[in-house]
């Protein structure tokens, strides 16, 4: 074999993956585990948005915010402590340390699995070819996993100093004394929560009628109440009009002629698919508004090309991309896995309080199932919630005489309860199935058990 032929053979794989975020690296790891040869193309760092500028660093900030609140409120618990201030250099050092350790662990894992990592920006040049730095890599299958970017609005210029995206906000070296958050979705509410805990004056501007509009209406109301109590201002039904930078900060104009001033404006209006200029359309991939269209088996319209993660319409969640990556690897390997039920993917907003949900909200459940029953269990009746001094609820939605089709929770740390809720929804559990299960005392998890007991017709601490 000539040297050129040998080199060409070295660049042939069972799977070539474009992007090493949650979806891409999960696909690579599972495919390698199944004995497939894998090339993983990444222009930046392994781990993508989630690890470096998304889930992990933001949750580290949120934990630091929780520690700050604990110090501030220590006297309530009989502990004498004072909060002297927020050292953002120290906070960032803690946050970056978490990211660094996870990154090193992931890089080591990928190396140990024999996955070929290709550094550079990849372009799809055909149904089974990806070009990186003038070298072509051929795959029997190609997986598009190029992720997402922080969006802005037309005419709204991000300068990284006064007008920020979430990526800029993660790198701030001091806490702003005041902040306007444009967008009341998950990212906006999480940063509003962090900055308020750090002592900033925060105003959220949201064009839709309620915060976290993708959640159940009762969850939105509960978060808005909690935010009011924390003195986070939320202007809902308030479209943004313009922003002007001043010597001291920003002036934001909203519909109705109102002008709000603050140190910084965080633009948190969602994330867009990173697909522009990567050769997708030229290769014949069906697209819509920049997203790659794929079926329930993550197949695009081009044979042999799959797509996973934020570039596929639907929930932009790291664990969705991760699950899709594993699914695609197993499907390519011939294991015939069951398609992922999008409604069965758990959703968590890590603000204070947290929102966690799985399945259908009440409004959607009525559209799908017609008659439904709901039950709301107040966390005021839960011992651990009293200890944590948190308020909120567990709300269950079930089809009339049928299984539970939605679980919605609000309160401190309720994200940790979503695992059992996910099993109940995905296994089509009835309240009568869950009611006899023994839940440890005292835990907030008991609230989930007691809610199902009440829905099954045997309430103890809940009113029927």
Protein backbone atom coordinates (compact mmCIF):
# COMPACT_ATOMS: atom_id res chain seq x y z
CA UNK A 1 0.00 0.00 0.00
CA UNK A 2 1.37 3.44 -0.91
CA UNK A 3 1.89 6.08 1.77
CA UNK A 4 -0.98 8.15 0.33
CA UNK A 5 -3.35 5.15 0.39
CA UNK A 6 -2.28 4.32 3.93
CA UNK A 7 -2.91 7.91 5.01
CA UNK A 8 -6.35 7.83 3.39
CA UNK A 9 -7.19 4.59 5.19
CA UNK A 10 -6.14 6.19 8.48
CA UNK A 11 -8.84 8.80 7.95
CA UNK A 12 -11.69 6.32 7.49
CA UNK A 13 -13.99 5.60 10.42
CA UNK A 14 -17.28 3.94 11.28
CA UNK A 15 -18.48 7.28 12.68
CA UNK A 16 -17.23 10.85 12.20
CA UNK A 17 -18.77 13.23 14.76
CA UNK A 18 -18.82 16.97 14.18
CA UNK A 19 -18.74 18.56 17.65
CA UNK A 20 -17.59 17.29 21.05
CA UNK A 21 -20.26 18.72 23.33
CA UNK A 22 -22.63 16.58 25.39
CA UNK A 23 -24.21 14.91 22.36
CA UNK A 24 -21.00 14.42 20.39
CA UNK A 25 -18.79 13.05 23.15
CA UNK A 26 -21.56 10.76 24.49
CA UNK A 27 -21.98 9.33 21.00
CA UNK A 28 -18.21 8.87 20.69
CA UNK A 29 -17.83 7.12 24.05
CA UNK A 30 -20.75 4.74 23.51
CA UNK A 31 -19.74 3.96 19.91
CA UNK A 32 -16.16 3.16 20.98
CA UNK A 33 -17.54 0.99 23.77
CA UNK A 34 -19.47 -0.93 21.11
CA UNK A 35 -16.31 -1.52 19.06
CA UNK A 36 -16.81 1.13 16.39
CA UNK A 37 -13.98 3.36 15.17
CA UNK A 38 -14.66 7.04 15.90
CA UNK A 39 -13.29 10.43 14.85
CA UNK A 40 -14.43 13.30 17.08
CA UNK A 41 -13.99 16.75 15.53
CA UNK A 42 -13.87 19.80 17.83
CA UNK A 43 -12.67 23.35 17.14
CA UNK A 44 -12.54 24.34 20.81
CA UNK A 45 -12.46 22.15 23.94
CA UNK A 46 -13.92 18.70 24.57
CA UNK A 47 -17.14 19.04 26.54
CA UNK A 48 -18.58 21.94 24.57
CA UNK A 49 -20.95 24.62 25.85
CA UNK A 50 -22.30 22.63 28.80
CA UNK A 51 -18.96 21.95 30.43
CA UNK A 52 -17.18 25.22 29.69
CA UNK A 53 -19.73 28.04 29.41
CA UNK A 54 -23.09 26.46 30.30
CA UNK A 55 -24.46 23.98 32.82
CA UNK A 56 -21.37 23.33 34.93
CA UNK A 57 -20.00 26.85 35.50
CA UNK A 58 -23.48 28.36 35.98
CA UNK A 59 -24.40 25.73 38.57
CA UNK A 60 -21.11 26.39 40.36
CA UNK A 61 -22.12 30.07 40.53
CA UNK A 62 -25.55 29.08 41.80
CA UNK A 63 -23.99 26.99 44.56
CA UNK A 64 -21.76 29.91 45.56
CA UNK A 65 -24.94 32.02 45.64
CA UNK A 66 -26.59 29.46 47.93
CA UNK A 67 -23.58 29.61 50.27
CA UNK A 68 -23.85 33.42 50.31
CA UNK A 69 -27.55 33.23 51.22
CA UNK A 70 -26.77 30.68 53.95
CA UNK A 71 -24.24 33.07 55.48
CA UNK A 72 -26.62 36.01 55.17
CA UNK A 73 -29.47 34.08 56.82
CA UNK A 74 -27.35 32.15 59.34
CA UNK A 75 -28.97 33.86 62.34
CA UNK A 76 -32.30 32.16 61.50
CA UNK A 77 -30.63 28.88 62.37
CA UNK A 78 -28.92 30.07 65.53
CA UNK A 79 -25.55 30.42 63.82
CA UNK A 80 -23.63 33.68 64.24
CA UNK A 81 -22.02 34.58 60.94
CA UNK A 82 -21.66 37.66 58.80
CA UNK A 83 -21.36 37.94 55.06
CA UNK A 84 -18.47 40.30 54.43
CA UNK A 85 -18.95 40.31 50.67
CA UNK A 86 -18.47 38.37 47.47
CA UNK A 87 -14.91 37.79 46.26
CA UNK A 88 -15.49 37.16 42.55
CA UNK A 89 -11.84 36.19 42.06
CA UNK A 90 -12.38 33.42 44.60
CA UNK A 91 -15.78 32.47 43.17
CA UNK A 92 -14.31 32.26 39.67
CA UNK A 93 -11.38 30.22 40.93
CA UNK A 94 -13.79 27.71 42.52
CA UNK A 95 -15.95 27.63 39.36
CA UNK A 96 -12.99 27.23 37.00
CA UNK A 97 -11.52 24.50 39.22
CA UNK A 98 -14.69 22.44 38.88
CA UNK A 99 -14.67 22.87 35.09
CA UNK A 100 -10.94 22.05 34.84
CA UNK A 101 -11.24 18.81 36.82
CA UNK A 102 -14.19 17.61 34.76
CA UNK A 103 -12.46 18.57 31.50
CA UNK A 104 -9.31 16.63 32.40
CA UNK A 105 -11.41 13.64 33.37
CA UNK A 106 -13.34 13.73 30.08
CA UNK A 107 -10.17 14.15 27.99
CA UNK A 108 -8.59 11.17 29.75
CA UNK A 109 -11.69 9.05 29.24
CA UNK A 110 -11.89 9.84 25.53
CA UNK A 111 -8.18 9.05 25.10
CA UNK A 112 -8.53 5.75 26.98
CA UNK A 113 -11.33 4.63 24.62
CA UNK A 114 -9.11 4.98 21.54
CA UNK A 115 -11.21 7.77 20.02
CA UNK A 116 -9.39 9.89 17.41
CA UNK A 117 -9.79 13.55 18.39
CA UNK A 118 -9.42 15.93 15.44
CA UNK A 119 -8.75 19.54 16.46
CA UNK A 120 -10.13 22.22 14.17
CA UNK A 121 -13.34 23.46 12.58
CA UNK A 122 -15.01 20.74 10.56
CA UNK A 123 -17.12 21.23 7.45
CA UNK A 124 -19.53 18.67 6.03
CA UNK A 125 -18.44 18.14 2.44
CA UNK A 126 -20.65 15.19 1.53
CA UNK A 127 -22.95 12.55 2.97
CA UNK A 128 -20.00 10.74 4.51
CA UNK A 129 -17.12 13.22 4.49
CA UNK A 130 -15.97 15.95 6.85
CA UNK A 131 -13.07 18.27 6.06
CA UNK A 132 -10.85 19.67 8.82
CA UNK A 133 -7.78 21.80 8.10
CA UNK A 134 -7.74 20.67 4.43
CA UNK A 135 -7.83 16.98 5.45
CA UNK A 136 -10.85 14.82 4.62
CA UNK A 137 -12.23 12.31 7.13
CA UNK A 138 -14.63 9.69 5.86
CA UNK A 139 -17.27 8.01 7.97
CA UNK A 140 -19.72 5.22 7.17
CA UNK A 141 -21.91 7.42 9.37
CA UNK A 142 -21.65 11.13 10.13
CA UNK A 143 -23.16 12.67 13.26
CA UNK A 144 -23.80 16.42 13.36
CA UNK A 145 -23.43 17.74 16.92
CA UNK A 146 -22.23 21.31 16.45
CA UNK A 147 -24.18 22.80 19.37
CA UNK A 148 -25.50 26.30 19.95
CA UNK A 149 -24.57 29.92 20.62
CA UNK A 150 -26.03 32.71 22.77
CA UNK A 151 -28.55 34.63 20.66
CA UNK A 152 -29.18 38.35 20.58
CA UNK A 153 -31.99 40.46 19.11
CA UNK A 154 -31.88 42.48 15.87
CA UNK A 155 -30.10 45.78 16.46
CA UNK A 156 -28.92 44.76 19.92
CA UNK A 157 -25.13 44.88 19.93
CA UNK A 158 -23.25 42.76 22.48
CA UNK A 159 -20.10 44.57 23.65
CA UNK A 160 -19.04 42.14 26.39
CA UNK A 161 -18.63 44.98 28.91
CA UNK A 162 -22.01 46.59 29.49
CA UNK A 163 -24.17 44.40 27.26
CA UNK A 164 -23.41 40.78 28.00
CA UNK A 165 -24.26 37.23 27.01
CA UNK A 166 -24.23 34.46 29.61
CA UNK A 167 -20.67 33.63 28.52
CA UNK A 168 -19.50 37.15 29.42
CA UNK A 169 -21.48 37.02 32.67
CA UNK A 170 -19.56 33.91 33.72
CA UNK A 171 -16.29 35.85 33.50
CA UNK A 172 -17.22 38.99 35.44
CA UNK A 173 -14.54 39.97 37.93
CA UNK A 174 -16.91 41.87 40.19
CA UNK A 175 -20.59 41.75 41.06
CA UNK A 176 -22.61 44.46 39.29
CA UNK A 177 -24.50 46.66 41.74
CA UNK A 178 -27.50 46.51 39.41
CA UNK A 179 -28.43 44.35 36.43
CA UNK A 180 -31.18 44.10 33.86
CA UNK A 181 -31.81 40.59 32.56
CA UNK A 182 -33.42 40.49 29.13
CA UNK A 183 -35.28 37.17 29.01
CA UNK A 184 -37.15 35.34 31.74
CA UNK A 185 -36.38 31.81 30.64
CA UNK A 186 -34.10 29.33 32.41
CA UNK A 187 -30.80 31.16 31.78
CA UNK A 188 -32.21 34.58 32.65
CA UNK A 189 -33.84 33.39 35.88
CA UNK A 190 -30.70 31.53 36.98
CA UNK A 191 -28.46 34.58 36.53
CA UNK A 192 -31.05 36.84 38.16
CA UNK A 193 -31.05 34.47 41.13
CA UNK A 194 -27.24 34.42 41.37
CA UNK A 195 -26.79 38.18 41.13
CA UNK A 196 -29.54 38.84 43.68
CA UNK A 197 -27.88 36.43 46.12
CA UNK A 198 -24.59 38.25 45.50
CA UNK A 199 -26.27 41.54 46.46
CA UNK A 200 -27.20 43.08 43.09
CA UNK A 201 -30.43 44.93 42.34
CA UNK A 202 -32.02 42.84 39.52
CA UNK A 203 -34.81 43.51 37.02
CA UNK A 204 -35.99 40.87 34.55
CA UNK A 205 -37.59 42.04 31.29
CA UNK A 206 -39.70 39.39 29.56
CA UNK A 207 -41.93 39.84 26.49
CA UNK A 208 -44.09 36.81 27.32
CA UNK A 209 -46.87 36.92 29.94
CA UNK A 210 -44.89 34.91 32.52
CA UNK A 211 -41.43 33.78 33.55
CA UNK A 212 -40.19 30.30 32.49
CA UNK A 213 -43.11 30.13 30.07
CA UNK A 214 -42.22 26.57 29.00
CA UNK A 215 -43.12 25.33 32.50
CA UNK A 216 -46.54 24.68 34.05
CA UNK A 217 -48.39 27.95 34.76
CA UNK A 218 -48.49 27.18 38.51
CA UNK A 219 -44.71 26.77 38.57
CA UNK A 220 -44.29 30.15 36.88
CA UNK A 221 -46.59 31.82 39.42
CA UNK A 222 -44.72 30.26 42.33
CA UNK A 223 -41.34 31.43 40.97
CA UNK A 224 -42.66 34.94 40.38
CA UNK A 225 -43.97 35.08 43.97
CA UNK A 226 -40.64 33.85 45.34
CA UNK A 227 -38.72 36.36 43.21
CA UNK A 228 -40.93 39.22 44.45
CA UNK A 229 -40.18 38.15 48.02
CA UNK A 230 -36.44 38.22 47.16
CA UNK A 231 -36.95 41.71 45.64
CA UNK A 232 -36.15 40.55 42.10
CA UNK A 233 -38.31 42.72 39.85
CA UNK A 234 -39.95 40.91 36.91
CA UNK A 235 -41.53 42.95 34.12
CA UNK A 236 -43.54 40.39 32.14
CA UNK A 237 -45.57 41.19 29.01
CA UNK A 238 -42.89 43.85 28.43
CA UNK A 239 -41.15 43.77 25.03
CA UNK A 240 -37.64 45.23 24.83
CA UNK A 241 -37.15 48.21 22.51
CA UNK A 242 -33.58 49.51 22.77
CA UNK A 243 -30.47 49.89 24.91
CA UNK A 244 -28.10 52.82 25.23
CA UNK A 245 -24.68 52.57 26.87
CA UNK A 246 -23.81 55.38 29.27
CA UNK A 247 -20.69 56.32 31.25
CA UNK A 248 -22.01 54.40 34.25
CA UNK A 249 -23.92 51.53 32.63
CA UNK A 250 -26.94 51.04 30.40
CA UNK A 251 -30.35 52.59 29.79
CA UNK A 252 -32.92 50.09 28.56
CA UNK A 253 -36.14 51.23 26.91
CA UNK A 254 -39.13 48.90 26.94
CA UNK A 255 -42.59 49.06 25.43
CA UNK A 256 -44.76 51.65 27.11
CA UNK A 257 -42.04 54.29 27.29
CA UNK A 258 -40.43 52.99 30.47
CA UNK A 259 -36.65 53.42 30.80
CA UNK A 260 -34.62 51.30 33.24
CA UNK A 261 -31.01 51.99 34.22
CA UNK A 262 -28.44 49.52 35.53
CA UNK A 263 -24.74 48.66 35.47
CA UNK A 264 -25.14 45.86 32.94
CA UNK A 265 -27.66 44.25 30.60
CA UNK A 266 -27.59 40.47 30.31
CA UNK A 267 -29.07 39.27 27.03
CA UNK A 268 -30.64 35.88 27.78
CA UNK A 269 -33.06 35.44 24.89
CA UNK A 270 -32.18 31.84 24.15
CA UNK A 271 -29.62 29.94 22.13
CA UNK A 272 -29.41 29.49 18.38
CA UNK A 273 -28.11 26.47 16.44
CA UNK A 274 -24.45 26.59 15.36
CA UNK A 275 -24.90 25.45 11.76
CA UNK A 276 -24.00 28.44 9.60
CA UNK A 277 -21.04 27.92 7.27
CA UNK A 278 -20.55 24.25 8.18
CA UNK A 279 -21.65 22.89 4.80
CA UNK A 280 -24.91 21.36 5.98
CA UNK A 281 -27.20 22.99 3.42
CA UNK A 282 -24.66 22.46 0.62
CA UNK A 283 -24.66 18.74 1.45
CA UNK A 284 -28.45 18.69 1.03
CA UNK A 285 -29.40 18.57 4.73
CA UNK A 286 -32.99 19.75 5.31
CA UNK A 287 -32.91 22.85 7.55
CA UNK A 288 -35.42 25.19 9.16
CA UNK A 289 -34.43 28.55 10.71
CA UNK A 290 -30.88 27.24 11.05
CA UNK A 291 -31.93 24.03 12.80
CA UNK A 292 -31.26 20.58 11.34
CA UNK A 293 -34.45 18.59 10.83
CA UNK A 294 -34.25 15.02 12.10
CA UNK A 295 -36.74 12.22 12.76
CA UNK A 296 -37.30 10.36 16.05
CA UNK A 297 -34.22 8.23 15.30
CA UNK A 298 -32.09 11.38 14.85
CA UNK A 299 -31.82 10.72 11.07
CA UNK A 300 -31.62 13.65 8.69
CA UNK A 301 -33.01 13.46 5.16
CA UNK A 302 -29.52 12.54 3.90
CA UNK A 303 -28.80 8.82 4.25
CA UNK A 304 -26.04 8.12 6.76
CA UNK A 305 -26.15 11.55 8.43
CA UNK A 306 -27.58 11.90 11.94
CA UNK A 307 -28.05 15.01 14.09
CA UNK A 308 -28.16 15.38 17.88
CA UNK A 309 -28.37 18.07 20.55
CA UNK A 310 -29.11 21.79 20.33
CA UNK A 311 -29.06 21.91 16.52
CA UNK A 312 -32.20 19.70 16.43
CA UNK A 313 -35.51 21.49 17.20
CA UNK A 314 -36.72 20.76 20.73
CA UNK A 315 -35.42 21.09 24.27
CA UNK A 316 -31.92 22.59 24.35
CA UNK A 317 -30.66 20.56 27.28
CA UNK A 318 -27.28 18.89 27.73
CA UNK A 319 -28.85 15.66 28.96
CA UNK A 320 -31.12 15.53 25.91
CA UNK A 321 -28.08 15.77 23.62
CA UNK A 322 -26.25 13.20 25.76
CA UNK A 323 -29.16 10.74 25.52
CA UNK A 324 -29.46 11.29 21.76
CA UNK A 325 -25.72 10.70 21.35
CA UNK A 326 -25.95 7.36 23.17
CA UNK A 327 -29.09 6.47 21.19
CA UNK A 328 -27.39 7.18 17.83
CA UNK A 329 -24.31 5.12 18.71
CA UNK A 330 -26.49 2.16 19.70
CA UNK A 331 -28.71 2.54 16.62
CA UNK A 332 -25.71 2.60 14.29
CA UNK A 333 -24.33 -0.49 16.08
CA UNK A 334 -27.61 -2.32 15.36
CA UNK A 335 -28.98 -2.48 18.92
CA UNK A 336 -32.30 -0.93 17.83
CA UNK A 337 -32.87 1.27 20.93
CA UNK A 338 -36.30 2.76 21.62
CA UNK A 339 -36.72 6.39 20.49
CA UNK A 340 -36.46 9.07 23.17
CA UNK A 341 -39.76 10.52 24.40
CA UNK A 342 -39.11 14.27 24.48
CA UNK A 343 -41.76 14.80 27.17
CA UNK A 344 -39.96 12.22 29.32
CA UNK A 345 -36.79 14.33 29.48
CA UNK A 346 -36.52 15.99 32.92
CA UNK A 347 -36.23 19.78 33.07
CA UNK A 348 -34.71 21.79 35.92
CA UNK A 349 -34.30 25.53 36.49
CA UNK A 350 -31.62 25.92 39.19
CA UNK A 351 -32.76 29.28 40.56
CA UNK A 352 -33.76 29.88 44.18
CA UNK A 353 -36.29 28.30 44.42
CA UNK A 354 -35.71 25.56 41.87
CA UNK A 355 -38.28 24.33 39.36
CA UNK A 356 -38.22 20.70 38.25
CA UNK A 357 -40.62 18.97 35.90
CA UNK A 358 -41.14 15.98 33.65
CA UNK A 359 -43.99 15.04 31.35
CA UNK A 360 -46.85 17.32 30.31
CA UNK A 361 -47.98 20.55 31.93
CA UNK A 362 -51.67 20.80 32.85
CA UNK A 363 -52.67 22.76 29.75
CA UNK A 364 -50.93 20.36 27.33
CA UNK A 365 -52.26 17.32 29.22
CA UNK A 366 -55.82 18.59 28.69
CA UNK A 367 -55.15 19.02 24.97
CA UNK A 368 -53.71 15.50 24.69
CA UNK A 369 -55.88 13.52 27.13
CA UNK A 370 -59.07 15.55 27.40
CA UNK A 371 -60.16 15.15 30.99
CA UNK A 372 -57.34 15.24 33.55
CA UNK A 373 -56.99 15.30 37.32
CA UNK A 374 -54.46 17.39 39.22
CA UNK A 375 -53.25 17.33 42.79
CA UNK A 376 -50.96 19.86 44.47
CA UNK A 377 -49.11 18.95 47.66
CA UNK A 378 -47.78 21.95 49.59
CA UNK A 379 -44.21 21.58 50.85
CA UNK A 380 -45.39 23.26 54.04
CA UNK A 381 -46.48 19.79 55.16
CA UNK A 382 -43.02 18.30 54.56
CA UNK A 383 -40.60 18.08 57.49
CA UNK A 384 -37.35 18.49 55.52
CA UNK A 385 -38.78 21.49 53.67
CA UNK A 386 -39.55 23.09 57.03
CA UNK A 387 -35.96 22.41 58.12
CA UNK A 388 -34.66 24.01 54.91
CA UNK A 389 -37.13 26.90 55.30
CA UNK A 390 -38.31 26.46 51.73
CA UNK A 391 -41.77 26.90 50.24
CA UNK A 392 -43.25 25.30 47.15
CA UNK A 393 -45.20 22.30 46.01
CA UNK A 394 -45.39 19.02 44.15
CA UNK A 395 -48.09 19.07 41.47
CA UNK A 396 -49.25 15.89 39.76
CA UNK A 397 -51.22 15.73 36.53
CA UNK A 398 -52.85 12.49 35.46
CA UNK A 399 -55.15 11.42 32.68
CA UNK A 400 -58.64 10.67 34.01
CA UNK A 401 -58.44 7.18 35.60
CA UNK A 402 -55.02 6.81 33.95
CA UNK A 403 -51.30 7.15 34.68
CA UNK A 404 -49.47 10.23 35.91
CA UNK A 405 -48.56 12.26 32.80
CA UNK A 406 -46.86 15.23 34.46
CA UNK A 407 -44.92 16.03 37.64
CA UNK A 408 -44.11 19.66 38.49
CA UNK A 409 -42.16 20.78 41.56
CA UNK A 410 -41.05 24.10 43.03
CA UNK A 411 -38.79 24.53 46.06
CA UNK A 412 -35.20 24.43 47.26
CA UNK A 413 -33.29 21.44 45.84
CA UNK A 414 -36.32 19.86 44.13
CA UNK A 415 -34.12 19.17 41.09
CA UNK A 416 -32.71 16.28 43.11
CA UNK A 417 -36.22 14.72 43.22
CA UNK A 418 -36.69 14.56 39.46
CA UNK A 419 -35.19 11.06 39.13
CA UNK A 420 -38.15 9.30 40.74
CA UNK A 421 -40.60 11.59 38.95
CA UNK A 422 -38.94 10.69 35.64
CA UNK A 423 -39.41 6.98 36.33
CA UNK A 424 -43.08 7.49 37.24
CA UNK A 425 -43.76 9.33 33.98
CA UNK A 426 -41.64 7.17 31.68
CA UNK A 427 -42.94 3.90 33.15
CA UNK A 428 -46.53 5.17 32.96
CA UNK A 429 -46.98 4.81 36.71
CA UNK A 430 -50.38 5.16 38.33
CA UNK A 431 -50.77 7.00 41.63
CA UNK A 432 -51.86 3.66 43.09
CA UNK A 433 -48.50 2.15 42.01
CA UNK A 434 -46.44 4.84 43.72
CA UNK A 435 -48.50 5.29 46.89
CA UNK A 436 -47.27 2.06 48.60
CA UNK A 437 -43.58 2.84 47.99
CA UNK A 438 -41.72 3.76 51.17
CA UNK A 439 -40.01 7.16 51.08
CA UNK A 440 -37.24 7.96 53.59
CA UNK A 441 -38.06 10.35 56.43
CA UNK A 442 -37.29 13.19 56.74
CA UNK A 443 -36.65 13.97 53.08
CA UNK A 444 -38.30 16.22 50.54
CA UNK A 445 -38.71 13.04 48.52
CA UNK A 446 -41.55 12.18 50.91
CA UNK A 447 -43.55 15.01 49.34
CA UNK A 448 -43.57 13.09 46.06
CA UNK A 449 -44.79 9.98 47.88
CA UNK A 450 -47.47 11.84 49.83
CA UNK A 451 -48.72 13.60 46.70
CA UNK A 452 -49.25 10.20 45.07
CA UNK A 453 -50.93 8.88 48.21
CA UNK A 454 -53.34 11.81 48.08
CA UNK A 455 -53.98 11.31 44.35
CA UNK A 456 -54.65 7.63 45.06
CA UNK A 457 -57.36 8.65 47.50
CA UNK A 458 -55.53 8.18 50.80
CA UNK A 459 -54.13 11.55 51.84
CA UNK A 460 -52.39 11.74 55.18
CA UNK A 461 -50.76 15.16 55.58
CA UNK A 462 -52.49 16.53 52.48
CA UNK A 463 -56.13 17.60 52.34
CA UNK A 464 -58.26 15.57 49.95
